[in-house]
Amino acid sequence: MRIAGSVALVTGASSGIGREVARRLAAAGARVLAHGRDAAALAELDATPLVAELAEPGAGGRLAEAALAAAGRVDIVVNNAGVGWAGPFAQMPPETATRLLAVNLGAPVELTRALLPGLADRPGYLLFVTSIAGRMGVAGEAVYAAGKAGLDTFAESLRFELRDRPVQVGVLVPGVVRTAFFDRRGRPYERERPRPVPPGRVADRIVEMISRDLPEAYVPGWLRGPVAVRSTLPGVYRRLGARFGGGGAASAGLAPPVVQRDRGA
């Protein structure tokens, strides 16, 4: 996908991964439409700001309308915005569960549905930032993991549907990323390993995926290992989870037990 001259919509661009992606796409010659909730932070970017709360019903569709009104078309969509919550599922407030599913799954589906008619018949790229939690499960983040697993499967299914079209679908699976997310979700990241990666590293990989039409990437790359353990040795994976307190290979130290990051939703 040629980035220079394209129109790119990045959700969750107020901070974290989304902010770094917006900067890199603008530097590569794209016209960037930057979505977020912090108008002041968006104003600092070389981008057209689109302020919206994705937890609201129908927000994905309204964001698509605003993007098309601002630029006339969208060639690249980086579905990055996300929110999290940490703690036992039984203690999770119902409204929090609803918000997580709306932002992490519902809004990206709505946004993609609204923009797809203009994308399907010309070169384009749909990028979904999921999470290692969605591929492995994480104790204490059941709803977040479920939302990311749904987004992962949605992207894979969409890729099959669009196999004969010029638009590409990519999935970026990150682990722990060094942002303010952990402060905002209510539980800090306290493990010494794995160390959080900087958001710029994730953004670099996303831009590479778009420019090369890559279907999938992990950051860091070693995260493929525990996913393979879960797929090929599920019994071993679950025994590790029982021994180390939930999260399978993640709890055993093969992958991070807490994996979401602030994406500026």
Foldseek 3Di string as FASTA:
>chain_A
DQLAPFEEEFELCLDFLSVLLQQVSVVSHYAYEYEFQDPVSVVVGSHNYDYDQQLDPPRLLVSLVVSCVVPVAHFEYELQAAAFAFDAPVPDDPVVLSSRLRNLAVNVVSNCVNRVVRHFADAGEYEYEAELCLLQNFGRTRSNNVSSVNVVVVQVVVQVVSVVTNYAYAYEYEFAAPDCRCVVNPHHDDDPPPDHHYSNVSSVVVVVCRVVVPHYAYVVRLSVVVSVCCVPPVVQQVVQQVVQPHRRVCSVRSGPNDGDDHSND
